[in-house]
Amino acid sequence: MEHRICKSCGSAKPYGDGEYFRKNRHICRECERAASRERTFKHIRGISYEERDALLAAQGGACAACGSPKHNSKKGWHVDHCHRTGEIRAVLCANCNVALGQVDDDITHLLKLVEYLRKHRSEGATTIPQGSTPEAIAGGSARPLIIG
């Protein structure tokens, strides 16, 4: 069987049966799929995987909201953006991204949830001073408040 060298990854793979190369193509199916995923990601999210990874590195390799070094998702890190403007804000773990989505990025809603947790906190939970702002709670940093 004839072999071809993939112009993308450089590996030699069988050619002719359609399993590794599509007819008249010079990149293997595996590289085609990866390129397709990259194009789809960039089209939907507005940045490439490389740009997302650079943003994540600039954040210290952790979620911009909770600081977790784990993305907590089969799909990996989530690119957070403003739904009104489309502007990319940061890279988040799945938990933080879903939480923001559930409250529709509404700060008032989030503060009401904080008040709810204060009211119903159990023994051993973090004490949060009444009337605190998110900035004051987080010590003026962009670090998140974790109530537990």
Protein backbone atom coordinates (compact mmCIF):
# COMPACT_ATOMS: atom_id res chain seq x y z
CA MET A 1 0.00 0.00 0.00
CA GLU A 2 1.18 3.50 -0.82
CA HIS A 3 2.09 5.85 2.03
CA ARG A 4 1.93 9.63 2.12
CA ILE A 5 3.54 12.11 4.43
CA CYS A 6 1.11 14.45 6.12
CA LYS A 7 2.12 18.04 5.40
CA SER A 8 0.80 19.09 8.79
CA CYS A 9 2.20 16.55 11.28
CA GLY A 10 4.93 15.00 9.10
CA SER A 11 3.97 11.39 9.77
CA ALA A 12 3.80 8.73 7.05
CA LYS A 13 0.40 7.06 6.82
CA PRO A 14 -1.24 4.65 4.39
CA TYR A 15 -2.95 6.30 1.43
CA GLY A 16 -5.64 4.88 -0.78
CA ASP A 17 -8.25 3.34 1.51
CA GLY A 18 -9.59 6.67 2.77
CA GLU A 19 -8.92 5.80 6.40
CA TYR A 20 -5.96 8.13 6.92
CA PHE A 21 -6.20 10.55 3.99
CA ARG A 22 -9.16 11.77 2.02
CA LYS A 23 -8.69 11.47 -1.74
CA ASN A 24 -6.43 14.17 -3.18
CA ARG A 25 -5.63 15.61 0.27
CA HIS A 26 -2.17 16.16 1.67
CA ILE A 27 -2.98 16.29 5.35
CA CYS A 28 -4.16 13.29 7.34
CA ARG A 29 -7.69 13.01 8.74
CA GLU A 30 -6.44 13.49 12.30
CA CYS A 31 -4.86 16.84 11.36
CA GLU A 32 -7.95 17.78 9.34
CA ARG A 33 -10.14 17.17 12.41
CA ALA A 34 -7.82 19.22 14.64
CA ALA A 35 -7.80 22.11 12.14
CA SER A 36 -11.59 21.93 11.90
CA ARG A 37 -11.93 22.05 15.72
CA GLU A 38 -9.59 25.06 15.81
CA ARG A 39 -11.59 26.90 13.11
CA THR A 40 -14.86 26.16 14.89
CA PHE A 41 -13.48 27.26 18.28
CA LYS A 42 -12.16 30.52 16.79
CA HIS A 43 -15.42 31.17 14.92
CA ILE A 44 -17.61 30.61 17.99
CA ARG A 45 -15.38 32.13 20.68
CA GLY A 46 -13.51 34.77 18.73
CA ILE A 47 -10.04 33.59 19.77
CA SER A 48 -7.85 30.64 18.90
CA TYR A 49 -6.77 27.89 21.30
CA GLU A 50 -3.33 29.51 21.32
CA GLU A 51 -4.80 32.91 22.30
CA ARG A 52 -6.93 31.26 24.99
CA ASP A 53 -3.90 29.47 26.39
CA ALA A 54 -1.93 32.76 26.43
CA LEU A 55 -4.80 34.45 28.29
CA LEU A 56 -4.90 31.56 30.76
CA ALA A 57 -1.12 31.80 31.29
CA ALA A 58 -1.44 35.55 31.90
CA GLN A 59 -4.00 34.68 34.62
CA GLY A 60 -1.46 32.43 36.31
CA GLY A 61 -2.84 29.21 34.80
CA ALA A 62 -6.00 29.33 36.90
CA CYS A 63 -9.64 30.38 36.71
CA ALA A 64 -9.90 34.18 36.73
CA ALA A 65 -12.86 34.01 39.14
CA CYS A 66 -12.13 31.32 41.74
CA GLY A 67 -8.41 30.75 41.22
CA SER A 68 -8.77 27.01 40.68
CA PRO A 69 -6.00 25.45 38.58
CA LYS A 70 -8.52 22.84 37.33
CA HIS A 71 -11.07 23.49 34.60
CA ASN A 72 -13.59 20.94 35.98
CA SER A 73 -14.92 20.02 32.55
CA LYS A 74 -14.49 17.47 29.79
CA LYS A 75 -14.44 20.41 27.37
CA GLY A 76 -11.60 22.20 29.14
CA TRP A 77 -11.36 25.88 30.03
CA HIS A 78 -14.22 28.25 29.18
CA VAL A 79 -13.73 31.60 27.46
CA ASP A 80 -15.93 34.07 29.34
CA HIS A 81 -17.40 36.98 27.42
CA CYS A 82 -19.94 39.76 27.91
CA HIS A 83 -23.21 38.69 26.30
CA ARG A 84 -24.13 42.30 25.52
CA THR A 85 -20.89 43.38 23.82
CA GLY A 86 -19.27 40.05 22.95
CA GLU A 87 -16.04 41.28 24.57
CA ILE A 88 -13.85 38.50 25.95
CA ARG A 89 -13.28 38.96 29.68
CA ALA A 90 -11.20 36.02 30.89
CA VAL A 91 -10.83 32.25 31.04
CA LEU A 92 -12.95 30.49 33.67
CA CYS A 93 -13.40 26.99 35.03
CA ALA A 94 -16.66 25.27 34.15
CA ASN A 95 -18.19 25.86 37.59
CA CYS A 96 -17.66 29.64 37.51
CA ASN A 97 -18.77 29.91 33.90
CA VAL A 98 -22.01 28.02 34.60
CA ALA A 99 -22.64 30.05 37.78
CA LEU A 100 -22.33 33.34 35.88
CA GLY A 101 -24.59 32.02 33.16
CA GLN A 102 -27.23 30.91 35.64
CA VAL A 103 -27.52 34.41 37.11
CA ASP A 104 -27.15 36.10 33.72
CA ASP A 105 -24.05 38.03 34.91
CA ASP A 106 -26.29 39.95 37.34
CA ILE A 107 -24.25 41.31 40.27
CA THR A 108 -27.39 42.05 42.29
CA HIS A 109 -28.47 38.43 41.93
CA LEU A 110 -25.03 37.24 43.02
CA LEU A 111 -25.07 39.51 46.08
CA LYS A 112 -28.53 38.18 47.00
CA LEU A 113 -27.07 34.68 46.83
CA VAL A 114 -24.25 35.77 49.15
CA GLU A 115 -26.85 37.14 51.58
CA TYR A 116 -28.78 33.88 51.33
CA LEU A 117 -25.64 31.90 52.18
CA ARG A 118 -24.92 34.23 55.11
CA LYS A 119 -28.42 33.67 56.43
CA HIS A 120 -28.23 29.89 56.10
CA ARG A 121 -24.57 29.28 56.76
CA SER A 122 -23.65 26.17 58.68
CA GLU A 123 -21.06 25.73 61.41
CA GLY A 124 -17.54 26.11 60.09
CA ALA A 125 -18.59 28.33 57.21
CA THR A 126 -16.66 31.47 56.38
CA THR A 127 -17.99 34.52 58.20
CA ILE A 128 -18.65 37.44 55.89
CA PRO A 129 -19.17 40.87 57.43
CA GLN A 130 -22.66 42.22 56.83
CA GLY A 131 -22.79 44.93 54.15
CA SER A 132 -19.45 43.94 52.59
CA THR A 133 -18.87 44.57 48.91
CA PRO A 134 -17.38 41.84 46.72
CA GLU A 135 -14.18 43.92 46.40
CA ALA A 136 -13.86 44.32 50.17
CA ILE A 137 -14.53 40.64 50.74
CA ALA A 138 -11.87 39.68 48.19
CA GLY A 139 -9.42 42.13 49.77
CA GLY A 140 -9.55 44.55 46.84
CA SER A 141 -8.21 41.94 44.44
CA ALA A 142 -9.88 40.23 41.54
CA ARG A 143 -9.80 37.00 43.56
CA PRO A 144 -13.17 35.46 44.23
CA LEU A 145 -15.09 34.93 47.38
CA ILE A 146 -15.52 31.29 48.23
CA ILE A 147 -18.18 30.66 50.82
CA GLY A 148 -18.14 27.23 52.27
